[in-house]
Amino acid sequence: MYLEIVTPEKTLFSGEIEKVKLPGSSGSFGLLNRHAPMISSLEAGEIKLTPKEGDVTLFDIKSGVVEVLNNNIIVLATE
């Protein structure tokens, strides 16, 4: 699945991943391959992603929104 994490200033990450854990407004949640379509707000916390190649990567955000559709994930966040 493809993940893109963007802020108003820059793109933090763009690429293929195996899984991602996000700080949702009602608690953290994870997304895996072929997740159902959804939109959710995000709170301050840590995004933890596992890319297809490479090490686990962490990003701290203040808030944001995530959209999941057709195995593509877009996170619009503020740092």
C-alpha atoms as a PDB file:
ATOM      1  CA  MET A   1       0.000   0.000   0.000  1.00  0.00           C
ATOM      2  CA  TYR A   2       1.129   3.559  -0.655  1.00  0.00           C
ATOM      3  CA  LEU A   3       1.488   6.222   2.050  1.00  0.00           C
ATOM      4  CA  GLU A   4       2.052   9.946   1.718  1.00  0.00           C
ATOM      5  CA  ILE A   5       2.538  12.206   4.752  1.00  0.00           C
ATOM      6  CA  VAL A   6       2.459  15.919   3.934  1.00  0.00           C
ATOM      7  CA  THR A   7       2.558  19.144   5.945  1.00  0.00           C
ATOM      8  CA  PRO A   8       1.960  22.683   4.688  1.00  0.00           C
ATOM      9  CA  GLU A   9       5.748  23.073   4.382  1.00  0.00           C
ATOM     10  CA  LYS A  10       6.942  19.752   2.936  1.00  0.00           C
ATOM     11  CA  THR A  11       6.404  16.072   2.227  1.00  0.00           C
ATOM     12  CA  LEU A  12       7.623  14.010   5.193  1.00  0.00           C
ATOM     13  CA  PHE A  13       7.238  10.585   3.572  1.00  0.00           C
ATOM     14  CA  SER A  14       6.106   9.117   0.286  1.00  0.00           C
ATOM     15  CA  GLY A  15       6.353   5.446  -0.595  1.00  0.00           C
ATOM     16  CA  GLU A  16       5.249   1.834  -0.252  1.00  0.00           C
ATOM     17  CA  ILE A  17       4.670   0.530   3.280  1.00  0.00           C
ATOM     18  CA  GLU A  18       3.607  -2.664   5.020  1.00  0.00           C
ATOM     19  CA  LYS A  19       1.772  -0.993   7.925  1.00  0.00           C
ATOM     20  CA  VAL A  20       1.301   2.297   9.753  1.00  0.00           C
ATOM     21  CA  LYS A  21       0.107   3.251  13.244  1.00  0.00           C
ATOM     22  CA  LEU A  22      -1.590   6.645  13.651  1.00  0.00           C
ATOM     23  CA  PRO A  23      -2.638   8.775  16.669  1.00  0.00           C
ATOM     24  CA  GLY A  24      -6.401   8.983  16.109  1.00  0.00           C
ATOM     25  CA  SER A  25      -8.667  11.373  17.999  1.00  0.00           C
ATOM     26  CA  SER A  26     -10.350   8.420  19.732  1.00  0.00           C
ATOM     27  CA  GLY A  27      -7.115   6.487  20.259  1.00  0.00           C
ATOM     28  CA  SER A  28      -4.307   5.127  18.125  1.00  0.00           C
ATOM     29  CA  PHE A  29      -5.079   2.717  15.295  1.00  0.00           C
ATOM     30  CA  GLY A  30      -3.218   0.769  12.651  1.00  0.00           C
ATOM     31  CA  LEU A  31      -3.709   0.343   8.934  1.00  0.00           C
ATOM     32  CA  LEU A  32      -2.729  -2.721   6.930  1.00  0.00           C
ATOM     33  CA  ASN A  33      -2.942  -3.677   3.262  1.00  0.00           C
ATOM     34  CA  ARG A  34      -6.455  -3.431   1.732  1.00  0.00           C
ATOM     35  CA  HIS A  35      -7.945  -1.495   4.661  1.00  0.00           C
ATOM     36  CA  ALA A  36     -11.537  -0.327   4.200  1.00  0.00           C
ATOM     37  CA  PRO A  37     -12.009   3.276   2.997  1.00  0.00           C
ATOM     38  CA  MET A  38     -12.093   5.807   5.827  1.00  0.00           C
ATOM     39  CA  ILE A  39     -11.405   9.373   6.919  1.00  0.00           C
ATOM     40  CA  SER A  40     -10.297  10.195  10.463  1.00  0.00           C
ATOM     41  CA  SER A  41      -8.950  13.144  12.423  1.00  0.00           C
ATOM     42  CA  LEU A  42      -5.580  12.819  14.148  1.00  0.00           C
ATOM     43  CA  GLU A  43      -4.323  14.229  17.440  1.00  0.00           C
ATOM     44  CA  ALA A  44      -0.854  15.095  18.649  1.00  0.00           C
ATOM     45  CA  GLY A  45       1.260  11.970  18.737  1.00  0.00           C
ATOM     46  CA  GLU A  46       3.530   9.693  16.803  1.00  0.00           C
ATOM     47  CA  ILE A  47       3.112   8.166  13.362  1.00  0.00           C
ATOM     48  CA  LYS A  48       4.959   4.845  13.219  1.00  0.00           C
ATOM     49  CA  LEU A  49       5.390   3.299   9.775  1.00  0.00           C
ATOM     50  CA  THR A  50       7.024   0.147   8.505  1.00  0.00           C
ATOM     51  CA  PRO A  51       8.210   0.602   4.925  1.00  0.00           C
ATOM     52  CA  LYS A  52       8.485  -2.334   2.525  1.00  0.00           C
ATOM     53  CA  GLU A  53      12.245  -1.752   2.510  1.00  0.00           C
ATOM     54  CA  GLY A  54      14.146  -0.242   5.424  1.00  0.00           C
ATOM     55  CA  ASP A  55      13.694   0.445   9.096  1.00  0.00           C
ATOM     56  CA  VAL A  56      10.656   1.541  11.098  1.00  0.00           C
ATOM     57  CA  THR A  57      10.273   5.333  10.856  1.00  0.00           C
ATOM     58  CA  LEU A  58       8.667   7.700  13.380  1.00  0.00           C
ATOM     59  CA  PHE A  59       7.156  11.155  12.838  1.00  0.00           C
ATOM     60  CA  ASP A  60       5.758  13.438  15.556  1.00  0.00           C
ATOM     61  CA  ILE A  61       2.685  15.467  14.588  1.00  0.00           C
ATOM     62  CA  LYS A  62       0.489  18.035  16.350  1.00  0.00           C
ATOM     63  CA  SER A  63      -2.735  17.277  14.465  1.00  0.00           C
ATOM     64  CA  GLY A  64      -4.022  16.139  11.121  1.00  0.00           C
ATOM     65  CA  VAL A  65      -6.415  14.151   8.964  1.00  0.00           C
ATOM     66  CA  VAL A  66      -5.984  10.784   7.268  1.00  0.00           C
ATOM     67  CA  GLU A  67      -7.804   9.429   4.220  1.00  0.00           C
ATOM     68  CA  VAL A  68      -7.661   5.760   3.174  1.00  0.00           C
ATOM     69  CA  LEU A  69      -8.971   4.874  -0.288  1.00  0.00           C
ATOM     70  CA  ASN A  70      -8.044   2.136  -2.788  1.00  0.00           C
ATOM     71  CA  ASN A  71      -4.964   1.045  -0.821  1.00  0.00           C
ATOM     72  CA  ASN A  72      -3.632   4.633  -0.772  1.00  0.00           C
ATOM     73  CA  ILE A  73      -3.205   6.557   2.478  1.00  0.00           C
ATOM     74  CA  ILE A  74      -2.824  10.330   2.604  1.00  0.00           C
ATOM     75  CA  VAL A  75      -1.987  12.048   5.888  1.00  0.00           C
ATOM     76  CA  LEU A  76      -2.320  15.844   6.030  1.00  0.00           C
ATOM     77  CA  ALA A  77      -0.516  16.885   9.210  1.00  0.00           C
ATOM     78  CA  THR A  78       0.985  19.763  11.149  1.00  0.00           C
ATOM     79  CA  GLU A  79       4.311  19.315  12.908  1.00  0.00           C
END
